[in-house]
C-alpha atoms as a PDB file:
ATOM      1  CA  MET A   1     -29.774 -18.750 -28.081  1.00  0.00           C
ATOM      2  CA  LYS A   2     -26.274 -19.101 -29.597  1.00  0.00           C
ATOM      3  CA  LYS A   3     -25.733 -15.368 -29.089  1.00  0.00           C
ATOM      4  CA  ILE A   4     -26.187 -15.785 -25.328  1.00  0.00           C
ATOM      5  CA  VAL A   5     -24.515 -19.160 -24.778  1.00  0.00           C
ATOM      6  CA  PHE A   6     -21.240 -18.378 -26.588  1.00  0.00           C
ATOM      7  CA  PRO A   7     -20.351 -15.233 -24.555  1.00  0.00           C
ATOM      8  CA  LEU A   8     -21.284 -17.023 -21.318  1.00  0.00           C
ATOM      9  CA  LEU A   9     -19.181 -20.035 -22.235  1.00  0.00           C
ATOM     10  CA  LEU A  10     -16.255 -17.815 -23.255  1.00  0.00           C
ATOM     11  CA  GLY A  11     -16.485 -15.912 -19.960  1.00  0.00           C
ATOM     12  CA  LEU A  12     -16.464 -19.131 -17.937  1.00  0.00           C
ATOM     13  CA  ILE A  13     -13.433 -20.415 -19.845  1.00  0.00           C
ATOM     14  CA  LEU A  14     -11.543 -17.163 -19.272  1.00  0.00           C
ATOM     15  CA  MET A  15     -12.392 -17.090 -15.563  1.00  0.00           C
ATOM     16  CA  ALA A  16     -11.363 -20.719 -15.152  1.00  0.00           C
ATOM     17  CA  GLY A  17      -7.959 -19.807 -16.579  1.00  0.00           C
ATOM     18  CA  CYS A  18      -7.252 -17.166 -13.907  1.00  0.00           C
ATOM     19  CA  THR A  19      -4.559 -18.865 -11.863  1.00  0.00           C
ATOM     20  CA  HIS A  20      -1.124 -17.979 -10.602  1.00  0.00           C
ATOM     21  CA  LYS A  21       1.868 -19.958  -9.399  1.00  0.00           C
ATOM     22  CA  THR A  22       2.752 -19.901  -5.736  1.00  0.00           C
ATOM     23  CA  GLN A  23       6.289 -20.290  -4.441  1.00  0.00           C
ATOM     24  CA  THR A  24       5.653 -24.025  -4.129  1.00  0.00           C
ATOM     25  CA  GLY A  25       4.690 -24.212  -7.809  1.00  0.00           C
ATOM     26  CA  GLN A  26       1.057 -25.076  -7.103  1.00  0.00           C
ATOM     27  CA  ASP A  27      -1.778 -23.365  -8.946  1.00  0.00           C
ATOM     28  CA  ASP A  28      -4.115 -21.212  -6.872  1.00  0.00           C
ATOM     29  CA  THR A  29      -7.286 -19.623  -8.150  1.00  0.00           C
ATOM     30  CA  ILE A  30      -7.183 -15.820  -8.084  1.00  0.00           C
ATOM     31  CA  VAL A  31      -9.761 -14.264  -5.783  1.00  0.00           C
ATOM     32  CA  ILE A  32     -11.679 -11.686  -7.824  1.00  0.00           C
ATOM     33  CA  LYS A  33     -13.363  -9.872  -4.922  1.00  0.00           C
ATOM     34  CA  SER A  34     -11.369  -8.739  -1.927  1.00  0.00           C
ATOM     35  CA  ASP A  35     -12.583  -9.739   1.527  1.00  0.00           C
ATOM     36  CA  MET A  36     -11.865  -6.146   2.547  1.00  0.00           C
ATOM     37  CA  GLU A  37     -14.669  -4.905   0.258  1.00  0.00           C
ATOM     38  CA  ASP A  38     -17.209  -6.528   2.571  1.00  0.00           C
ATOM     39  CA  GLU A  39     -15.649  -4.876   5.620  1.00  0.00           C
ATOM     40  CA  ARG A  40     -15.476  -1.296   4.329  1.00  0.00           C
ATOM     41  CA  THR A  41     -17.202   1.227   6.559  1.00  0.00           C
ATOM     42  CA  GLY A  42     -16.722   4.447   4.607  1.00  0.00           C
ATOM     43  CA  ASP A  43     -14.301   5.744   7.245  1.00  0.00           C
ATOM     44  CA  GLU A  44     -11.219   4.474   5.389  1.00  0.00           C
ATOM     45  CA  LEU A  45      -8.604   7.033   4.400  1.00  0.00           C
ATOM     46  CA  LYS A  46      -5.587   6.930   2.130  1.00  0.00           C
ATOM     47  CA  ILE A  47      -2.383   8.859   2.606  1.00  0.00           C
ATOM     48  CA  VAL A  48       0.046   9.790  -0.142  1.00  0.00           C
ATOM     49  CA  ALA A  49       3.319  11.026   1.335  1.00  0.00           C
ATOM     50  CA  ILE A  50       5.878  12.243  -1.218  1.00  0.00           C
ATOM     51  CA  MET A  51       9.367  12.703   0.170  1.00  0.00           C
ATOM     52  CA  THR A  52      12.505  13.970  -1.541  1.00  0.00           C
ATOM     53  CA  VAL A  53      15.571  12.480   0.127  1.00  0.00           C
ATOM     54  CA  LYS A  54      19.000  14.083  -0.061  1.00  0.00           C
ATOM     55  CA  PRO A  55      21.012  12.084  -2.645  1.00  0.00           C
ATOM     56  CA  GLU A  56      23.791  11.334  -0.178  1.00  0.00           C
ATOM     57  CA  ALA A  57      21.261   9.963   2.361  1.00  0.00           C
ATOM     58  CA  ILE A  58      19.447   7.405   0.176  1.00  0.00           C
ATOM     59  CA  LYS A  59      21.428   4.345   1.318  1.00  0.00           C
ATOM     60  CA  GLU A  60      21.230   5.411   4.950  1.00  0.00           C
ATOM     61  CA  ILE A  61      17.479   6.074   4.962  1.00  0.00           C
ATOM     62  CA  LEU A  62      16.392   2.824   3.277  1.00  0.00           C
ATOM     63  CA  PRO A  63      16.666   0.643   6.416  1.00  0.00           C
ATOM     64  CA  ILE A  64      14.929   3.409   8.380  1.00  0.00           C
ATOM     65  CA  PHE A  65      12.056   3.321   5.866  1.00  0.00           C
ATOM     66  CA  GLN A  66      11.995  -0.483   6.077  1.00  0.00           C
ATOM     67  CA  THR A  67      11.577  -0.444   9.857  1.00  0.00           C
ATOM     68  CA  LEU A  68       8.746   2.086   9.537  1.00  0.00           C
ATOM     69  CA  VAL A  69       6.942   0.049   6.870  1.00  0.00           C
ATOM     70  CA  GLN A  70       7.241  -3.215   8.807  1.00  0.00           C
ATOM     71  CA  GLY A  71       5.977  -1.688  12.042  1.00  0.00           C
ATOM     72  CA  SER A  72       3.132   0.128  10.308  1.00  0.00           C
ATOM     73  CA  GLN A  73       1.937  -2.956   8.418  1.00  0.00           C
ATOM     74  CA  GLU A  74       1.511  -4.743  11.761  1.00  0.00           C
ATOM     75  CA  GLU A  75      -0.876  -2.120  13.166  1.00  0.00           C
ATOM     76  CA  ASP A  76      -4.519  -3.193  13.513  1.00  0.00           C
ATOM     77  CA  GLY A  77      -5.802  -0.076  11.752  1.00  0.00           C
ATOM     78  CA  CYS A  78      -3.501  -0.482   8.754  1.00  0.00           C
ATOM     79  CA  ILE A  79      -5.043  -1.797   5.534  1.00  0.00           C
ATOM     80  CA  SER A  80      -1.894  -1.262   3.453  1.00  0.00           C
ATOM     81  CA  TYR A  81       1.391   0.597   3.847  1.00  0.00           C
ATOM     82  CA  ASN A  82       4.017   0.508   1.103  1.00  0.00           C
ATOM     83  CA  LEU A  83       7.039   2.539   0.041  1.00  0.00           C
ATOM     84  CA  HIS A  84       7.715   3.259  -3.634  1.00  0.00           C
ATOM     85  CA  GLN A  85      10.672   4.925  -5.347  1.00  0.00           C
ATOM     86  CA  ASP A  86      10.283   7.072  -8.453  1.00  0.00           C
ATOM     87  CA  ILE A  87      11.946   5.349 -11.423  1.00  0.00           C
ATOM     88  CA  SER A  88      12.994   8.638 -13.024  1.00  0.00           C
ATOM     89  CA  ASP A  89      14.139  10.384  -9.818  1.00  0.00           C
ATOM     90  CA  SER A  90      15.834   8.099  -7.289  1.00  0.00           C
ATOM     91  CA  THR A  91      15.616  10.771  -4.584  1.00  0.00           C
ATOM     92  CA  LYS A  92      11.799  10.755  -4.657  1.00  0.00           C
ATOM     93  CA  PHE A  93       9.977   8.248  -2.450  1.00  0.00           C
ATOM     94  CA  VAL A  94       6.213   7.835  -2.189  1.00  0.00           C
ATOM     95  CA  MET A  95       4.543   6.188   0.782  1.00  0.00           C
ATOM     96  CA  LEU A  96       1.079   4.885  -0.131  1.00  0.00           C
ATOM     97  CA  GLU A  97      -0.975   4.136   2.955  1.00  0.00           C
ATOM     98  CA  GLU A  98      -4.536   3.008   3.591  1.00  0.00           C
ATOM     99  CA  TRP A  99      -6.054   3.177   7.061  1.00  0.00           C
ATOM    100  CA  LYS A 100      -9.362   1.983   8.522  1.00  0.00           C
ATOM    101  CA  SER A 101     -10.110   5.394  10.062  1.00  0.00           C
ATOM    102  CA  GLN A 102      -8.754   8.735  11.224  1.00  0.00           C
ATOM    103  CA  ALA A 103      -8.375   7.169  14.671  1.00  0.00           C
ATOM    104  CA  ALA A 104      -6.054   4.549  13.147  1.00  0.00           C
ATOM    105  CA  ILE A 105      -3.943   7.340  11.612  1.00  0.00           C
ATOM    106  CA  ASP A 106      -3.838   9.190  14.931  1.00  0.00           C
ATOM    107  CA  TYR A 107      -2.708   6.005  16.663  1.00  0.00           C
ATOM    108  CA  HIS A 108      -0.059   5.407  13.967  1.00  0.00           C
ATOM    109  CA  ASN A 109       1.332   8.919  14.346  1.00  0.00           C
ATOM    110  CA  ASN A 110       1.972   8.199  18.028  1.00  0.00           C
ATOM    111  CA  THR A 111       3.604   4.773  17.641  1.00  0.00           C
ATOM    112  CA  GLU A 112       7.198   4.230  18.632  1.00  0.00           C
ATOM    113  CA  HIS A 113       8.220   3.173  15.097  1.00  0.00           C
ATOM    114  CA  PHE A 114       6.757   6.363  13.600  1.00  0.00           C
ATOM    115  CA  LYS A 115       8.425   8.579  16.217  1.00  0.00           C
ATOM    116  CA  THR A 116      11.709   6.716  15.675  1.00  0.00           C
ATOM    117  CA  PHE A 117      11.414   7.260  11.913  1.00  0.00           C
ATOM    118  CA  LYS A 118      10.863  10.992  12.348  1.00  0.00           C
ATOM    119  CA  GLU A 119      13.887  11.303  14.632  1.00  0.00           C
ATOM    120  CA  ALA A 120      16.198   9.003  12.634  1.00  0.00           C
ATOM    121  CA  SER A 121      15.381  10.637   9.282  1.00  0.00           C
ATOM    122  CA  LYS A 122      15.977  14.217  10.465  1.00  0.00           C
ATOM    123  CA  GLY A 123      18.226  16.041   8.028  1.00  0.00           C
ATOM    124  CA  MET A 124      17.846  13.348   5.344  1.00  0.00           C
ATOM    125  CA  ILE A 125      14.570  14.495   3.792  1.00  0.00           C
ATOM    126  CA  GLU A 126      14.757  17.740   1.807  1.00  0.00           C
ATOM    127  CA  LYS A 127      11.014  18.163   1.420  1.00  0.00           C
ATOM    128  CA  SER A 128       7.805  16.269   1.944  1.00  0.00           C
ATOM    129  CA  GLU A 129       4.182  16.641   0.964  1.00  0.00           C
ATOM    130  CA  VAL A 130       1.390  14.662   2.606  1.00  0.00           C
ATOM    131  CA  SER A 131      -2.178  14.338   1.335  1.00  0.00           C
ATOM    132  CA  ILE A 132      -4.949  12.548   3.215  1.00  0.00           C
ATOM    133  CA  LEU A 133      -7.648  11.311   0.858  1.00  0.00           C
ATOM    134  CA  LYS A 134     -11.161   9.962   1.218  1.00  0.00           C
ATOM    135  CA  LEU A 135     -12.950   7.865  -1.380  1.00  0.00           C
ATOM    136  CA  VAL A 136     -15.491   9.784  -3.436  1.00  0.00           C
ATOM    137  CA  TYR A 137     -16.580   7.125  -5.971  1.00  0.00           C
END
């Protein structure tokens, strides 16, 4: 009996300690399971877009990236859309995207903020590689 009760008690204590501070300083319990997990359909896709920006264009392209990210995050079909910069190569940027479906990606590719990004960033990006991924396991 002790062999079962102790691990259960320890697990409950550890889970009860999972809190984080909000900006107001109040403790909030961390949600272990995402609400999105219940809504998954199997149609979700992820995009990894790796872009190498010309060194002299980094400062100029950052606000262009910011506008793209903000507009994309507001789209109904967007689950997540974030820009990352390589810590060992400041010219390399990685856009990690998750979409509800291929239709959401198609819609995104025709939005004004995406078209504006493509036009405004012309000549600033040396190379790019885009992979569209589906979940296997």
